[in-house]
């Protein structure tokens, strides 16, 4: 839940109150390419962690209700509903690449 709360906070908090979010680029001399790469890496880690949590939650639910023969815990990337997840955000709109 902390990951979701942090992401929502980053999205909805006023830009004037928080300064610029440069994805790990704290100084102004960092190259844009480096900043983007850091931001992308952070997002990929967040998406992977959320997918892991969703699958663990599904696994626990399946085990608790004895649904091993009917369901799998797998969660495709397209179903990880984070705005930084291009597999979800742009599904069917554009080709997504890593």
N, C-alpha and C. Protein backbone atom coordinates (compact mmCIF):
# COMPACT_ATOMS: atom_id res chain seq x y z
N UNK A 1 0.82 -1.20 0.00
CA UNK A 1 0.00 0.00 0.00
C UNK A 1 0.86 1.26 0.00
N UNK A 2 2.05 1.18 0.58
CA UNK A 2 2.92 2.35 0.64
C UNK A 2 3.31 2.78 -0.76
N UNK A 3 3.59 1.83 -1.65
CA UNK A 3 3.96 2.17 -3.02
C UNK A 3 2.84 2.94 -3.70
N UNK A 4 1.62 2.45 -3.56
CA UNK A 4 0.47 3.10 -4.18
C UNK A 4 0.28 4.49 -3.60
N UNK A 5 0.37 4.62 -2.28
CA UNK A 5 0.21 5.93 -1.66
C UNK A 5 1.28 6.91 -2.14
N UNK A 6 2.53 6.45 -2.23
CA UNK A 6 3.60 7.32 -2.70
C UNK A 6 3.36 7.76 -4.14
N UNK A 7 2.93 6.85 -4.99
CA UNK A 7 2.68 7.19 -6.39
C UNK A 7 1.53 8.17 -6.51
N UNK A 8 0.45 7.91 -5.76
CA UNK A 8 -0.68 8.84 -5.81
C UNK A 8 -0.29 10.21 -5.30
N UNK A 9 0.51 10.24 -4.25
CA UNK A 9 0.97 11.50 -3.71
C UNK A 9 1.78 12.27 -4.74
N UNK A 10 2.65 11.57 -5.47
CA UNK A 10 3.47 12.21 -6.50
C UNK A 10 2.62 12.74 -7.64
N UNK A 11 1.52 12.05 -7.95
CA UNK A 11 0.67 12.47 -9.06
C UNK A 11 -0.19 13.67 -8.69
N UNK A 12 -0.82 13.62 -7.51
CA UNK A 12 -1.83 14.59 -7.19
C UNK A 12 -1.36 15.80 -6.39
N UNK A 13 -0.19 15.73 -5.83
CA UNK A 13 0.31 16.87 -5.07
C UNK A 13 0.63 18.02 -6.01
N UNK A 14 0.33 19.23 -5.62
CA UNK A 14 0.56 20.39 -6.47
C UNK A 14 2.03 20.52 -6.84
N UNK A 15 2.29 20.81 -8.11
CA UNK A 15 3.67 20.99 -8.57
C UNK A 15 4.33 22.16 -7.85
N UNK A 16 3.58 23.18 -7.54
CA UNK A 16 4.13 24.35 -6.86
C UNK A 16 4.60 24.03 -5.45
N UNK A 17 4.01 23.02 -4.84
CA UNK A 17 4.36 22.68 -3.47
C UNK A 17 5.51 21.69 -3.36
N UNK A 18 5.82 21.00 -4.43
CA UNK A 18 6.80 19.94 -4.31
C UNK A 18 8.06 20.15 -5.13
N UNK A 19 8.12 21.12 -5.97
CA UNK A 19 9.29 21.30 -6.82
C UNK A 19 9.23 20.33 -7.98
N UNK A 20 10.31 20.21 -8.71
CA UNK A 20 10.34 19.34 -9.87
C UNK A 20 10.72 17.92 -9.48
N UNK A 21 10.05 16.97 -10.10
CA UNK A 21 10.37 15.56 -9.90
C UNK A 21 11.17 15.10 -11.10
N UNK A 22 12.48 15.00 -10.93
CA UNK A 22 13.35 14.66 -12.05
C UNK A 22 13.77 13.21 -12.05
N UNK A 23 13.06 12.37 -11.36
CA UNK A 23 13.37 10.95 -11.38
C UNK A 23 14.76 10.61 -10.91
N UNK A 24 15.20 11.22 -9.83
CA UNK A 24 16.50 10.90 -9.29
C UNK A 24 17.60 11.84 -9.73
N UNK A 25 17.28 12.87 -10.50
CA UNK A 25 18.28 13.85 -10.93
C UNK A 25 18.14 15.09 -10.06
N UNK A 26 18.95 15.15 -9.05
CA UNK A 26 18.84 16.23 -8.08
C UNK A 26 19.55 17.51 -8.53
N UNK A 27 20.60 17.37 -9.33
CA UNK A 27 21.30 18.59 -9.74
C UNK A 27 20.95 18.93 -11.18
N UNK A 28 21.09 20.21 -11.51
CA UNK A 28 20.69 20.69 -12.83
C UNK A 28 21.69 20.36 -13.93
N UNK A 29 22.85 19.82 -13.57
CA UNK A 29 23.85 19.50 -14.58
C UNK A 29 23.71 18.08 -15.11
N UNK A 30 22.79 17.31 -14.57
CA UNK A 30 22.57 15.95 -15.05
C UNK A 30 22.00 16.00 -16.46
N UNK A 31 22.45 15.08 -17.28
CA UNK A 31 21.94 15.00 -18.64
C UNK A 31 20.51 14.49 -18.63
N UNK A 32 19.71 15.01 -19.53
CA UNK A 32 18.32 14.58 -19.64
C UNK A 32 18.24 13.07 -19.87
N UNK A 33 19.15 12.54 -20.68
CA UNK A 33 19.18 11.11 -20.96
C UNK A 33 19.37 10.31 -19.68
N UNK A 34 20.26 10.79 -18.81
CA UNK A 34 20.51 10.12 -17.53
C UNK A 34 19.29 10.21 -16.63
N UNK A 35 18.69 11.39 -16.57
CA UNK A 35 17.49 11.58 -15.75
C UNK A 35 16.36 10.66 -16.20
N UNK A 36 16.16 10.60 -17.52
CA UNK A 36 15.10 9.74 -18.04
C UNK A 36 15.39 8.27 -17.74
N UNK A 37 16.64 7.86 -17.91
CA UNK A 37 17.01 6.47 -17.63
C UNK A 37 16.76 6.14 -16.16
N UNK A 38 17.09 7.05 -15.25
CA UNK A 38 16.84 6.84 -13.82
C UNK A 38 15.35 6.75 -13.53
N UNK A 39 14.58 7.66 -14.13
CA UNK A 39 13.13 7.68 -13.95
C UNK A 39 12.51 6.38 -14.47
N UNK A 40 12.94 5.96 -15.65
CA UNK A 40 12.44 4.73 -16.26
C UNK A 40 12.76 3.52 -15.38
N UNK A 41 13.98 3.47 -14.86
CA UNK A 41 14.41 2.37 -13.99
C UNK A 41 13.56 2.33 -12.71
N UNK A 42 13.29 3.50 -12.12
CA UNK A 42 12.45 3.57 -10.92
C UNK A 42 11.05 3.05 -11.23
N UNK A 43 10.51 3.47 -12.36
CA UNK A 43 9.16 3.04 -12.75
C UNK A 43 9.10 1.55 -12.99
N UNK A 44 10.09 0.99 -13.67
CA UNK A 44 10.11 -0.44 -13.93
C UNK A 44 10.18 -1.23 -12.63
N UNK A 45 10.96 -0.74 -11.67
CA UNK A 45 11.06 -1.40 -10.37
C UNK A 45 9.72 -1.34 -9.63
N UNK A 46 9.05 -0.20 -9.71
CA UNK A 46 7.75 -0.04 -9.06
C UNK A 46 6.71 -0.97 -9.68
N UNK A 47 6.70 -1.04 -11.00
CA UNK A 47 5.76 -1.91 -11.71
C UNK A 47 6.01 -3.37 -11.35
N UNK A 48 7.28 -3.77 -11.34
CA UNK A 48 7.63 -5.16 -11.01
C UNK A 48 7.22 -5.50 -9.58
N UNK A 49 7.44 -4.57 -8.66
CA UNK A 49 7.06 -4.80 -7.26
C UNK A 49 5.54 -4.90 -7.12
N UNK A 50 4.82 -4.04 -7.81
CA UNK A 50 3.35 -4.08 -7.74
C UNK A 50 2.84 -5.39 -8.35
N UNK A 51 3.44 -5.84 -9.44
CA UNK A 51 3.04 -7.11 -10.04
C UNK A 51 3.30 -8.27 -9.06
N UNK A 52 4.45 -8.23 -8.41
CA UNK A 52 4.79 -9.26 -7.42
C UNK A 52 3.76 -9.28 -6.29
N UNK A 53 3.40 -8.09 -5.80
CA UNK A 53 2.42 -8.00 -4.71
C UNK A 53 1.04 -8.49 -5.14
N UNK A 54 0.63 -8.13 -6.34
CA UNK A 54 -0.66 -8.59 -6.87
C UNK A 54 -0.69 -10.11 -6.99
N UNK A 55 0.40 -10.68 -7.49
CA UNK A 55 0.45 -12.13 -7.65
C UNK A 55 0.48 -12.84 -6.31
N UNK A 56 1.20 -12.28 -5.36
CA UNK A 56 1.22 -12.87 -4.01
C UNK A 56 -0.18 -12.80 -3.38
N UNK A 57 -0.85 -11.67 -3.56
CA UNK A 57 -2.21 -11.53 -3.04
C UNK A 57 -3.14 -12.56 -3.69
N UNK A 58 -3.02 -12.73 -5.00
CA UNK A 58 -3.84 -13.73 -5.70
C UNK A 58 -3.54 -15.13 -5.19
N UNK A 59 -2.25 -15.43 -5.01
CA UNK A 59 -1.85 -16.75 -4.53
C UNK A 59 -2.48 -17.04 -3.17
N UNK A 60 -2.44 -16.07 -2.26
CA UNK A 60 -3.03 -16.24 -0.93
C UNK A 60 -4.54 -16.44 -1.01
N UNK A 61 -5.18 -15.67 -1.86
CA UNK A 61 -6.63 -15.78 -2.04
C UNK A 61 -7.00 -17.16 -2.60
N UNK A 62 -6.26 -17.60 -3.60
CA UNK A 62 -6.51 -18.90 -4.23
C UNK A 62 -6.33 -20.03 -3.22
N UNK A 63 -5.25 -19.95 -2.44
CA UNK A 63 -5.01 -20.99 -1.43
C UNK A 63 -6.08 -20.96 -0.34
N UNK A 64 -6.47 -19.77 0.10
CA UNK A 64 -7.46 -19.64 1.19
C UNK A 64 -8.81 -20.23 0.80
N UNK A 65 -9.17 -20.10 -0.48
CA UNK A 65 -10.48 -20.58 -0.93
C UNK A 65 -10.41 -21.87 -1.74
N UNK A 66 -9.23 -22.48 -1.79
CA UNK A 66 -9.10 -23.76 -2.48
C UNK A 66 -9.41 -23.71 -3.96
N UNK A 67 -8.96 -22.67 -4.64
CA UNK A 67 -9.28 -22.49 -6.05
C UNK A 67 -8.11 -22.81 -6.98
N UNK A 68 -7.19 -23.65 -6.53
CA UNK A 68 -6.00 -23.97 -7.32
C UNK A 68 -6.34 -24.56 -8.68
N UNK A 69 -7.43 -25.30 -8.77
CA UNK A 69 -7.81 -25.93 -10.04
C UNK A 69 -8.55 -24.98 -10.98
N UNK A 70 -8.96 -23.82 -10.46
CA UNK A 70 -9.77 -22.91 -11.26
C UNK A 70 -9.05 -21.62 -11.65
N UNK A 71 -8.11 -21.16 -10.83
CA UNK A 71 -7.46 -19.87 -11.06
C UNK A 71 -5.94 -20.00 -10.97
N UNK A 72 -5.26 -19.04 -11.56
CA UNK A 72 -3.81 -18.92 -11.39
C UNK A 72 -3.53 -17.55 -10.78
N UNK A 73 -2.41 -17.40 -10.10
CA UNK A 73 -2.10 -16.11 -9.49
C UNK A 73 -1.51 -15.09 -10.46
N UNK A 74 -1.28 -15.49 -11.71
CA UNK A 74 -0.62 -14.62 -12.68
C UNK A 74 -1.39 -13.33 -12.92
N UNK A 75 -0.63 -12.24 -13.02
CA UNK A 75 -1.19 -10.93 -13.33
C UNK A 75 -0.37 -10.34 -14.48
N UNK A 76 -0.97 -10.18 -15.68
CA UNK A 76 -0.22 -9.60 -16.79
C UNK A 76 0.09 -8.13 -16.53
N UNK A 77 1.16 -7.65 -17.14
CA UNK A 77 1.56 -6.26 -16.97
C UNK A 77 0.44 -5.29 -17.35
N UNK A 78 -0.38 -5.64 -18.32
CA UNK A 78 -1.48 -4.77 -18.76
C UNK A 78 -2.50 -4.51 -17.66
N UNK A 79 -2.49 -5.36 -16.62
CA UNK A 79 -3.46 -5.20 -15.53
C UNK A 79 -2.88 -4.53 -14.30
N UNK A 80 -1.63 -4.10 -14.37
CA UNK A 80 -1.02 -3.36 -13.27
C UNK A 80 -1.37 -1.89 -13.51
N UNK A 81 -2.34 -1.39 -12.74
CA UNK A 81 -2.92 -0.08 -13.04
C UNK A 81 -2.18 1.05 -12.35
N UNK A 82 -1.00 1.34 -12.87
CA UNK A 82 -0.21 2.49 -12.42
C UNK A 82 -0.04 3.42 -13.62
N UNK A 83 -0.11 4.71 -13.41
CA UNK A 83 0.03 5.63 -14.52
C UNK A 83 1.42 5.59 -15.14
N UNK A 84 2.42 5.11 -14.41
CA UNK A 84 3.77 5.00 -14.97
C UNK A 84 3.97 3.69 -15.73
N UNK A 85 2.94 2.86 -15.80
CA UNK A 85 3.03 1.58 -16.49
C UNK A 85 2.50 1.75 -17.92
N UNK A 86 3.40 1.83 -18.89
CA UNK A 86 2.94 2.03 -20.27
C UNK A 86 2.12 0.85 -20.80
N UNK A 87 2.33 -0.34 -20.26
CA UNK A 87 1.57 -1.51 -20.69
C UNK A 87 0.09 -1.34 -20.35
N UNK A 88 -0.19 -0.64 -19.26
CA UNK A 88 -1.57 -0.35 -18.86
C UNK A 88 -2.05 0.95 -19.49
N UNK A 89 -1.27 1.99 -19.35
CA UNK A 89 -1.69 3.33 -19.74
C UNK A 89 -1.96 3.46 -21.24
N UNK A 90 -1.13 2.83 -22.06
CA UNK A 90 -1.27 2.99 -23.51
C UNK A 90 -1.69 1.70 -24.21
N UNK A 91 -2.30 0.82 -23.49
CA UNK A 91 -2.73 -0.47 -24.04
C UNK A 91 -3.65 -0.24 -25.25
N UNK A 92 -3.25 -0.81 -26.37
CA UNK A 92 -4.08 -0.70 -27.57
C UNK A 92 -3.94 0.61 -28.31
N UNK A 93 -3.19 1.57 -27.77
CA UNK A 93 -3.06 2.87 -28.41
C UNK A 93 -1.77 2.96 -29.22
N UNK A 94 -0.67 2.58 -28.60
CA UNK A 94 0.62 2.61 -29.27
C UNK A 94 1.38 1.36 -28.94
N UNK A 95 2.38 1.05 -29.72
CA UNK A 95 3.25 -0.08 -29.40
C UNK A 95 4.11 0.28 -28.22
N UNK A 96 4.23 -0.61 -27.26
CA UNK A 96 5.01 -0.35 -26.06
C UNK A 96 6.35 -1.05 -26.19
N UNK A 97 7.41 -0.32 -25.87
CA UNK A 97 8.73 -0.92 -25.89
C UNK A 97 9.43 -0.62 -24.58
N UNK A 98 10.38 -1.45 -24.22
CA UNK A 98 11.10 -1.25 -22.96
C UNK A 98 12.15 -0.18 -23.11
